[in-house]
PDB file of N, CA and C in Angstrom:
ATOM      1  N   MET A   1     -24.954   4.838 -32.229  1.00  0.00           N
ATOM      2  CA  MET A   1     -24.976   5.830 -33.415  1.00  0.00           C
ATOM      3  C   MET A   1     -23.743   6.624 -33.345  1.00  0.00           C
ATOM      4  N   ARG A   2     -23.052   6.685 -34.438  1.00  0.00           N
ATOM      5  CA  ARG A   2     -21.807   7.445 -34.622  1.00  0.00           C
ATOM      6  C   ARG A   2     -22.135   8.925 -34.830  1.00  0.00           C
ATOM      7  N   PRO A   3     -21.327   9.816 -34.273  1.00  0.00           N
ATOM      8  CA  PRO A   3     -21.538  11.231 -34.573  1.00  0.00           C
ATOM      9  C   PRO A   3     -21.214  11.599 -36.014  1.00  0.00           C
ATOM     10  N   SER A   4     -21.929  12.457 -36.690  1.00  0.00           N
ATOM     11  CA  SER A   4     -21.707  12.813 -37.992  1.00  0.00           C
ATOM     12  C   SER A   4     -20.949  14.176 -38.067  1.00  0.00           C
ATOM     13  N   TYR A   5     -20.011  14.347 -38.880  1.00  0.00           N
ATOM     14  CA  TYR A   5     -19.248  15.577 -38.948  1.00  0.00           C
ATOM     15  C   TYR A   5     -19.429  16.223 -40.347  1.00  0.00           C
ATOM     16  N   VAL A   6     -19.542  17.498 -40.314  1.00  0.00           N
ATOM     17  CA  VAL A   6     -19.757  18.256 -41.602  1.00  0.00           C
ATOM     18  C   VAL A   6     -18.289  18.619 -42.067  1.00  0.00           C
ATOM     19  N   THR A   7     -18.003  18.150 -43.228  1.00  0.00           N
ATOM     20  CA  THR A   7     -16.610  18.407 -43.737  1.00  0.00           C
ATOM     21  C   THR A   7     -16.680  19.393 -44.934  1.00  0.00           C
ATOM     22  N   ASP A   8     -17.864  19.488 -45.543  1.00  0.00           N
ATOM     23  CA  ASP A   8     -17.950  20.458 -46.645  1.00  0.00           C
ATOM     24  C   ASP A   8     -18.105  21.814 -46.113  1.00  0.00           C
ATOM     25  N   LEU A   9     -17.044  22.763 -46.505  1.00  0.00           N
ATOM     26  CA  LEU A   9     -16.945  24.096 -46.010  1.00  0.00           C
ATOM     27  C   LEU A   9     -18.296  24.922 -46.236  1.00  0.00           C
ATOM     28  N   LYS A  10     -19.007  24.585 -47.367  1.00  0.00           N
ATOM     29  CA  LYS A  10     -20.225  25.397 -47.698  1.00  0.00           C
ATOM     30  C   LYS A  10     -21.357  25.021 -46.739  1.00  0.00           C
ATOM     31  N   LYS A  11     -21.306  23.803 -46.239  1.00  0.00           N
ATOM     32  CA  LYS A  11     -22.359  23.353 -45.382  1.00  0.00           C
ATOM     33  C   LYS A  11     -22.113  23.814 -43.865  1.00  0.00           C
ATOM     34  N   ILE A  12     -20.866  24.030 -43.531  1.00  0.00           N
ATOM     35  CA  ILE A  12     -20.542  24.357 -42.132  1.00  0.00           C
ATOM     36  C   ILE A  12     -21.256  25.641 -41.699  1.00  0.00           C
ATOM     37  N   ALA A  13     -21.208  26.668 -42.473  1.00  0.00           N
ATOM     38  CA  ALA A  13     -21.875  27.928 -42.144  1.00  0.00           C
ATOM     39  C   ALA A  13     -23.378  27.676 -41.944  1.00  0.00           C
ATOM     40  N   TYR A  14     -23.976  26.885 -42.900  1.00  0.00           N
ATOM     41  CA  TYR A  14     -25.369  26.572 -42.756  1.00  0.00           C
ATOM     42  C   TYR A  14     -25.714  25.865 -41.474  1.00  0.00           C
ATOM     43  N   THR A  15     -24.888  24.871 -41.105  1.00  0.00           N
ATOM     44  CA  THR A  15     -25.126  24.077 -39.857  1.00  0.00           C
ATOM     45  C   THR A  15     -24.999  25.006 -38.708  1.00  0.00           C
ATOM     46  N   LYS A  16     -23.971  25.859 -38.687  1.00  0.00           N
ATOM     47  CA  LYS A  16     -23.849  26.770 -37.603  1.00  0.00           C
ATOM     48  C   LYS A  16     -25.112  27.717 -37.414  1.00  0.00           C
ATOM     49  N   ALA A  17     -25.578  28.177 -38.516  1.00  0.00           N
ATOM     50  CA  ALA A  17     -26.744  29.075 -38.491  1.00  0.00           C
ATOM     51  C   ALA A  17     -27.947  28.309 -37.993  1.00  0.00           C
ATOM     52  N   GLU A  18     -28.075  27.015 -38.337  1.00  0.00           N
ATOM     53  CA  GLU A  18     -29.153  26.257 -38.008  1.00  0.00           C
ATOM     54  C   GLU A  18     -29.069  26.038 -36.450  1.00  0.00           C
ATOM     55  N   LEU A  19     -27.939  25.805 -35.930  1.00  0.00           N
ATOM     56  CA  LEU A  19     -27.750  25.657 -34.443  1.00  0.00           C
ATOM     57  C   LEU A  19     -28.135  26.793 -33.698  1.00  0.00           C
ATOM     58  N   VAL A  20     -27.710  27.984 -34.167  1.00  0.00           N
ATOM     59  CA  VAL A  20     -28.013  29.286 -33.547  1.00  0.00           C
ATOM     60  C   VAL A  20     -29.553  29.500 -33.530  1.00  0.00           C
ATOM     61  N   ASP A  21     -30.165  29.207 -34.627  1.00  0.00           N
ATOM     62  CA  ASP A  21     -31.616  29.373 -34.719  1.00  0.00           C
ATOM     63  C   ASP A  21     -32.282  28.522 -33.700  1.00  0.00           C
ATOM     64  N   LYS A  22     -31.889  27.303 -33.541  1.00  0.00           N
ATOM     65  CA  LYS A  22     -32.519  26.373 -32.489  1.00  0.00           C
ATOM     66  C   LYS A  22     -32.161  26.900 -31.135  1.00  0.00           C
ATOM     67  N   GLN A  23     -31.030  27.437 -30.832  1.00  0.00           N
ATOM     68  CA  GLN A  23     -30.707  28.028 -29.536  1.00  0.00           C
ATOM     69  C   GLN A  23     -31.699  29.214 -29.222  1.00  0.00           C
ATOM     70  N   LYS A  24     -31.836  30.112 -30.265  1.00  0.00           N
ATOM     71  CA  LYS A  24     -32.685  31.274 -30.022  1.00  0.00           C
ATOM     72  C   LYS A  24     -34.120  30.885 -29.829  1.00  0.00           C
ATOM     73  N   ASN A  25     -34.609  29.891 -30.561  1.00  0.00           N
ATOM     74  CA  ASN A  25     -35.973  29.397 -30.390  1.00  0.00           C
ATOM     75  C   ASN A  25     -36.152  28.805 -29.028  1.00  0.00           C
ATOM     76  N   THR A  26     -35.175  28.025 -28.526  1.00  0.00           N
ATOM     77  CA  THR A  26     -35.222  27.491 -27.195  1.00  0.00           C
ATOM     78  C   THR A  26     -35.213  28.549 -26.181  1.00  0.00           C
ATOM     79  N   ALA A  27     -34.460  29.527 -26.291  1.00  0.00           N
ATOM     80  CA  ALA A  27     -34.366  30.669 -25.380  1.00  0.00           C
ATOM     81  C   ALA A  27     -35.634  31.402 -25.345  1.00  0.00           C
ATOM     82  N   MET A  28     -36.361  31.625 -26.481  1.00  0.00           N
ATOM     83  CA  MET A  28     -37.554  32.312 -26.561  1.00  0.00           C
ATOM     84  C   MET A  28     -38.630  31.486 -25.979  1.00  0.00           C
ATOM     85  N   LEU A  29     -38.673  30.203 -26.127  1.00  0.00           N
ATOM     86  CA  LEU A  29     -39.622  29.390 -25.523  1.00  0.00           C
ATOM     87  C   LEU A  29     -39.546  29.360 -23.946  1.00  0.00           C
ATOM     88  N   VAL A  30     -38.274  29.360 -23.494  1.00  0.00           N
ATOM     89  CA  VAL A  30     -38.064  29.473 -22.015  1.00  0.00           C
ATOM     90  C   VAL A  30     -38.632  30.796 -21.443  1.00  0.00           C
ATOM     91  N   ILE A  31     -38.317  31.961 -22.203  1.00  0.00           N
ATOM     92  CA  ILE A  31     -38.782  33.230 -21.765  1.00  0.00           C
ATOM     93  C   ILE A  31     -40.308  33.307 -21.762  1.00  0.00           C
ATOM     94  N   LEU A  32     -40.919  32.794 -22.839  1.00  0.00           N
ATOM     95  CA  LEU A  32     -42.347  32.795 -22.888  1.00  0.00           C
ATOM     96  C   LEU A  32     -42.992  31.877 -21.765  1.00  0.00           C
ATOM     97  N   ALA A  33     -42.359  30.754 -21.470  1.00  0.00           N
ATOM     98  CA  ALA A  33     -42.990  29.881 -20.420  1.00  0.00           C
ATOM     99  C   ALA A  33     -42.735  30.558 -19.059  1.00  0.00           C
ATOM    100  N   GLU A  34     -41.649  31.257 -18.821  1.00  0.00           N
ATOM    101  CA  GLU A  34     -41.451  31.963 -17.557  1.00  0.00           C
ATOM    102  C   GLU A  34     -42.424  33.048 -17.446  1.00  0.00           C
ATOM    103  N   SER A  35     -42.733  33.796 -18.540  1.00  0.00           N
ATOM    104  CA  SER A  35     -43.665  34.955 -18.518  1.00  0.00           C
ATOM    105  C   SER A  35     -45.084  34.452 -18.244  1.00  0.00           C
ATOM    106  N   ALA A  36     -45.397  33.291 -18.856  1.00  0.00           N
ATOM    107  CA  ALA A  36     -46.700  32.688 -18.697  1.00  0.00           C
ATOM    108  C   ALA A  36     -46.877  32.288 -17.290  1.00  0.00           C
ATOM    109  N   ALA A  37     -45.868  31.692 -16.625  1.00  0.00           N
ATOM    110  CA  ALA A  37     -45.901  31.344 -15.219  1.00  0.00           C
ATOM    111  C   ALA A  37     -46.106  32.575 -14.288  1.00  0.00           C
ATOM    112  N   VAL A  38     -45.457  33.638 -14.623  1.00  0.00           N
ATOM    113  CA  VAL A  38     -45.599  34.811 -13.793  1.00  0.00           C
ATOM    114  C   VAL A  38     -47.055  35.321 -13.937  1.00  0.00           C
ATOM    115  N   VAL A  39     -47.572  35.354 -15.155  1.00  0.00           N
ATOM    116  CA  VAL A  39     -48.880  35.866 -15.319  1.00  0.00           C
ATOM    117  C   VAL A  39     -49.942  35.036 -14.631  1.00  0.00           C
ATOM    118  N   SER A  40     -49.815  33.691 -14.753  1.00  0.00           N
ATOM    119  CA  SER A  40     -50.760  32.735 -14.162  1.00  0.00           C
ATOM    120  C   SER A  40     -50.713  32.859 -12.602  1.00  0.00           C
ATOM    121  N   GLU A  41     -49.506  33.127 -12.058  1.00  0.00           N
ATOM    122  CA  GLU A  41     -49.354  33.205 -10.642  1.00  0.00           C
ATOM    123  C   GLU A  41     -50.043  34.510 -10.054  1.00  0.00           C
ATOM    124  N   SER A  42     -49.851  35.605 -10.703  1.00  0.00           N
ATOM    125  CA  SER A  42     -50.267  36.795 -10.186  1.00  0.00           C
ATOM    126  C   SER A  42     -50.643  37.818 -11.285  1.00  0.00           C
ATOM    127  N   PRO A  43     -51.703  37.626 -11.937  1.00  0.00           N
ATOM    128  CA  PRO A  43     -52.130  38.480 -13.090  1.00  0.00           C
ATOM    129  C   PRO A  43     -52.495  39.921 -12.635  1.00  0.00           C
ATOM    130  N   SER A  44     -52.959  40.003 -11.416  1.00  0.00           N
ATOM    131  CA  SER A  44     -53.382  41.334 -10.918  1.00  0.00           C
ATOM    132  C   SER A  44     -52.149  42.178 -10.671  1.00  0.00           C
ATOM    133  N   ASP A  45     -51.133  41.569 -10.183  1.00  0.00           N
ATOM    134  CA  ASP A  45     -49.825  42.302  -9.937  1.00  0.00           C
ATOM    135  C   ASP A  45     -49.313  42.815 -11.270  1.00  0.00           C
ATOM    136  N   LEU A  46     -49.402  42.044 -12.354  1.00  0.00           N
ATOM    137  CA  LEU A  46     -48.833  42.399 -13.599  1.00  0.00           C
ATOM    138  C   LEU A  46     -49.718  43.600 -14.118  1.00  0.00           C
ATOM    139  N   CYS A  47     -50.987  43.583 -13.988  1.00  0.00           N
ATOM    140  CA  CYS A  47     -51.874  44.689 -14.474  1.00  0.00           C
ATOM    141  C   CYS A  47     -51.540  46.007 -13.726  1.00  0.00           C
ATOM    142  N   GLN A  48     -51.291  45.780 -12.413  1.00  0.00           N
ATOM    143  CA  GLN A  48     -50.998  47.014 -11.527  1.00  0.00           C
ATOM    144  C   GLN A  48     -49.662  47.661 -12.051  1.00  0.00           C
ATOM    145  N   THR A  49     -48.684  46.733 -12.291  1.00  0.00           N
ATOM    146  CA  THR A  49     -47.416  47.235 -12.674  1.00  0.00           C
ATOM    147  C   THR A  49     -47.465  47.994 -14.064  1.00  0.00           C
ATOM    148  N   LYS A  50     -48.255  47.403 -14.992  1.00  0.00           N
ATOM    149  CA  LYS A  50     -48.456  48.032 -16.265  1.00  0.00           C
ATOM    150  C   LYS A  50     -49.064  49.440 -16.163  1.00  0.00           C
ATOM    151  N   GLN A  51     -50.070  49.499 -15.291  1.00  0.00           N
ATOM    152  CA  GLN A  51     -50.820  50.773 -15.060  1.00  0.00           C
ATOM    153  C   GLN A  51     -49.906  51.842 -14.476  1.00  0.00           C
ATOM    154  N   GLU A  52     -49.016  51.435 -13.560  1.00  0.00           N
ATOM    155  CA  GLU A  52     -48.019  52.330 -12.902  1.00  0.00           C
ATOM    156  C   GLU A  52     -47.005  52.789 -13.984  1.00  0.00           C
ATOM    157  N   GLU A  53     -46.583  51.940 -14.837  1.00  0.00           N
ATOM    158  CA  GLU A  53     -45.573  52.350 -15.889  1.00  0.00           C
ATOM    159  C   GLU A  53     -46.313  53.286 -16.906  1.00  0.00           C
ATOM    160  N   ALA A  54     -47.433  53.033 -17.195  1.00  0.00           N
ATOM    161  CA  ALA A  54     -48.182  54.016 -18.035  1.00  0.00           C
ATOM    162  C   ALA A  54     -48.422  55.369 -17.469  1.00  0.00           C
ATOM    163  N   PHE A  55     -48.708  55.388 -16.143  1.00  0.00           N
ATOM    164  CA  PHE A  55     -48.807  56.693 -15.449  1.00  0.00           C
ATOM    165  C   PHE A  55     -47.467  57.385 -15.337  1.00  0.00           C
ATOM    166  N   ILE A  56     -46.426  56.687 -15.104  1.00  0.00           N
ATOM    167  CA  ILE A  56     -45.089  57.391 -15.005  1.00  0.00           C
ATOM    168  C   ILE A  56     -44.659  57.932 -16.333  1.00  0.00           C
ATOM    169  N   ASN A  57     -44.833  57.166 -17.443  1.00  0.00           N
ATOM    170  CA  ASN A  57     -44.437  57.651 -18.715  1.00  0.00           C
ATOM    171  C   ASN A  57     -45.432  58.647 -19.252  1.00  0.00           C
TER     172      ASN A  57
END
């Protein structure tokens, strides 16, 4: 499969924006997955931390 190149200037900005969107979505999914892993490993620690933060604030 040959790589495709965008040569139309009007489409270049759109293609760049689409790539940035995909990167942000991927980053968000990674953050959510890491957070879910932390919660599933130690939910009681997370609750304790939240209570301490609420008490401090």
